[in-house]
Structure formats: C-alpha cells, structure tokens
C-alpha cells in the first residue's frame, strides 16, 4: 500500500501512514471476520453462535467497504468519515461479541483482536483528519 499511495497526486487530505494503517487493518479485519464466521458456522454449536456469525459478516462487509473507500484518497469531501465511523462502530460491537466466546474459540479471540485493531486504526485516522 505504501508504494501505491505515495504515487497518488492528491493525498494531502490524509496522513499517509495513518491511511495505510487503516486500510491494512480493515483488510485484515475483513478476512479475519470472514474466517471467524465460517469457523463459528461449522463448529459444534453453530446455533449458539448466531449473533457472532451475523456480526462477523457485517464487520467483514463494512471493513471491505472501508478499505475500498480509503484506497481512493483523492479529495472526496467528508463522506468517507461516515464510512469510517460505521466501521469503528461495527468493529467495536463485533469485538465485544467475539470476546465473549474467546475462552472457548481461538478464532473468536483472534477476531476480537483484529476488530479492535481496525477500530483503533480507523479512530486514529479520524482523529488526525479532524
């Protein structure tokens, strides 16, 4: 991401290091949530994991959208903020849900960590752009 972002002619809207970190965290979170959802679905007690599966799927979707939006850093108004704020909200909720299952499912522990990391990276980007 560093190389391609540094070639963009209109990146003065963002701190490139924070932008890259948010994109990377969102991509990692999307993949992790997709895997966690699948692991929950195919585990021994999928019925009790319905909320976790739903939040994993929502989180994967918003993280993919966030990474996509942030990968186009040219002047684009402030609409990106709403997407990043939504990402923070869903990642936080997903992390809380996955953390409830972390003692029994390593995939949920790993997912909660990825969600927290994404929320933190997105918050840092929002804070720097204020």
Protein backbone atom coordinates (compact mmCIF):
# COMPACT_ATOMS: atom_id res chain seq x y z
CA UNK A 1 0.00 0.00 0.00
CA UNK A 2 2.83 2.42 0.81
CA UNK A 3 4.19 2.40 -2.71
CA UNK A 4 0.87 2.93 -4.49
CA UNK A 5 -0.38 5.54 -2.02
CA UNK A 6 2.82 7.54 -2.39
CA UNK A 7 2.25 7.80 -6.15
CA UNK A 8 -1.22 9.35 -5.81
CA UNK A 9 -1.15 13.04 -6.81
CA UNK A 10 -3.83 14.17 -4.34
CA UNK A 11 -3.16 12.63 -0.94
CA UNK A 12 -2.75 15.81 1.07
CA UNK A 13 -6.12 15.16 2.72
CA UNK A 14 -4.68 12.29 4.78
CA UNK A 15 -1.65 11.38 6.84
CA UNK A 16 -0.37 8.58 4.58
CA UNK A 17 0.96 6.44 7.43
CA UNK A 18 -2.38 6.52 9.24
CA UNK A 19 -4.26 5.99 5.98
CA UNK A 20 -2.18 2.93 5.14
CA UNK A 21 -2.61 1.56 8.64
CA UNK A 22 -6.40 1.94 8.42
CA UNK A 23 -6.56 0.27 5.00
CA UNK A 24 -4.35 -2.60 6.14
CA UNK A 25 -6.29 -3.07 9.38
CA UNK A 26 -9.62 -3.01 7.55
CA UNK A 27 -8.45 -5.58 5.01
CA UNK A 28 -7.06 -7.82 7.75
CA UNK A 29 -10.23 -7.48 9.80
CA UNK A 30 -12.46 -8.33 6.82
CA UNK A 31 -10.55 -11.54 6.17
CA UNK A 32 -10.39 -12.47 9.84
CA UNK A 33 -14.11 -11.88 10.37
CA UNK A 34 -14.97 -13.98 7.30
CA UNK A 35 -12.89 -16.84 8.66
CA UNK A 36 -14.32 -16.49 12.16
CA UNK A 37 -17.86 -16.54 10.77
CA UNK A 38 -17.11 -19.70 8.81
CA UNK A 39 -15.47 -21.36 11.83
CA UNK A 40 -18.49 -20.48 14.00
CA UNK A 41 -20.86 -21.81 11.35
CA UNK A 42 -19.04 -25.12 11.10
CA UNK A 43 -18.36 -25.56 14.81
CA UNK A 44 -20.13 -27.94 17.16
CA UNK A 45 -22.57 -25.33 18.46
CA UNK A 46 -23.41 -23.09 15.49
CA UNK A 47 -26.88 -22.36 16.86
CA UNK A 48 -25.50 -20.55 19.88
CA UNK A 49 -23.12 -18.55 17.66
CA UNK A 50 -25.79 -16.86 15.52
CA UNK A 51 -25.10 -13.34 16.80
CA UNK A 52 -21.35 -13.83 16.42
CA UNK A 53 -21.80 -15.09 12.85
CA UNK A 54 -24.08 -12.17 11.96
CA UNK A 55 -21.69 -9.58 13.42
CA UNK A 56 -18.69 -11.23 11.77
CA UNK A 57 -20.45 -10.97 8.41
CA UNK A 58 -21.47 -7.35 8.98
CA UNK A 59 -17.98 -6.46 10.12
CA UNK A 60 -16.34 -8.15 7.13
CA UNK A 61 -18.63 -6.21 4.78
CA UNK A 62 -18.04 -2.78 6.34
CA UNK A 63 -14.32 -3.39 6.60
CA UNK A 64 -14.12 -4.31 2.90
CA UNK A 65 -16.09 -1.17 2.02
CA UNK A 66 -13.90 0.96 4.29
CA UNK A 67 -10.67 -0.34 2.76
CA UNK A 68 -12.10 0.30 -0.70
CA UNK A 69 -13.19 3.87 0.08
CA UNK A 70 -9.89 4.70 1.79
CA UNK A 71 -7.92 3.28 -1.13
CA UNK A 72 -9.21 6.24 -3.15
CA UNK A 73 -7.73 9.10 -1.10
CA UNK A 74 -8.25 11.96 -3.54
CA UNK A 75 -10.33 14.94 -2.49
CA UNK A 76 -13.74 13.43 -1.86
CA UNK A 77 -15.48 15.61 0.67
CA UNK A 78 -16.31 14.28 4.08
CA UNK A 79 -18.45 11.26 3.15
CA UNK A 80 -15.52 8.95 3.90
CA UNK A 81 -15.91 9.89 7.57
CA UNK A 82 -19.35 8.28 7.79
CA UNK A 83 -17.99 5.03 6.38
CA UNK A 84 -15.02 5.02 8.75
CA UNK A 85 -17.24 5.88 11.74
CA UNK A 86 -19.55 2.99 10.81
CA UNK A 87 -16.52 0.72 10.59
CA UNK A 88 -15.46 1.74 14.11
CA UNK A 89 -18.96 1.06 15.45
CA UNK A 90 -19.33 -2.37 13.84
CA UNK A 91 -15.78 -3.43 14.69
CA UNK A 92 -16.34 -2.45 18.32
CA UNK A 93 -19.58 -4.41 18.52
CA UNK A 94 -18.06 -7.44 16.78
CA UNK A 95 -15.01 -7.36 19.07
CA UNK A 96 -17.26 -7.36 22.13
CA UNK A 97 -19.28 -10.31 20.84
CA UNK A 98 -16.24 -12.33 19.81
CA UNK A 99 -14.56 -11.62 23.15
CA UNK A 100 -17.48 -13.38 24.87
CA UNK A 101 -16.53 -16.58 23.07
CA UNK A 102 -12.75 -16.18 23.22
CA UNK A 103 -12.28 -18.61 26.11
CA UNK A 104 -13.78 -21.43 24.05
CA UNK A 105 -12.88 -20.47 20.49
CA UNK A 106 -9.43 -19.27 19.46
CA UNK A 107 -10.86 -17.95 16.19
CA UNK A 108 -13.11 -15.60 18.18
CA UNK A 109 -10.14 -14.38 20.25
CA UNK A 110 -8.16 -13.67 17.10
CA UNK A 111 -11.17 -11.98 15.51
CA UNK A 112 -11.76 -9.75 18.54
CA UNK A 113 -8.12 -8.64 18.35
CA UNK A 114 -8.40 -7.84 14.63
CA UNK A 115 -11.62 -5.91 15.19
CA UNK A 116 -10.06 -3.85 17.99
CA UNK A 117 -7.01 -3.14 15.83
CA UNK A 118 -9.19 -1.97 12.96
CA UNK A 119 -11.32 0.24 15.19
CA UNK A 120 -8.16 1.76 16.69
CA UNK A 121 -6.59 2.42 13.27
CA UNK A 122 -9.82 4.00 11.98
CA UNK A 123 -10.14 6.18 15.10
CA UNK A 124 -6.55 7.37 14.65
CA UNK A 125 -7.28 8.33 11.05
CA UNK A 126 -10.45 10.19 12.08
CA UNK A 127 -8.64 11.99 14.89
CA UNK A 128 -5.80 13.11 12.62
CA UNK A 129 -8.21 14.39 9.96
CA UNK A 130 -10.22 16.49 12.42
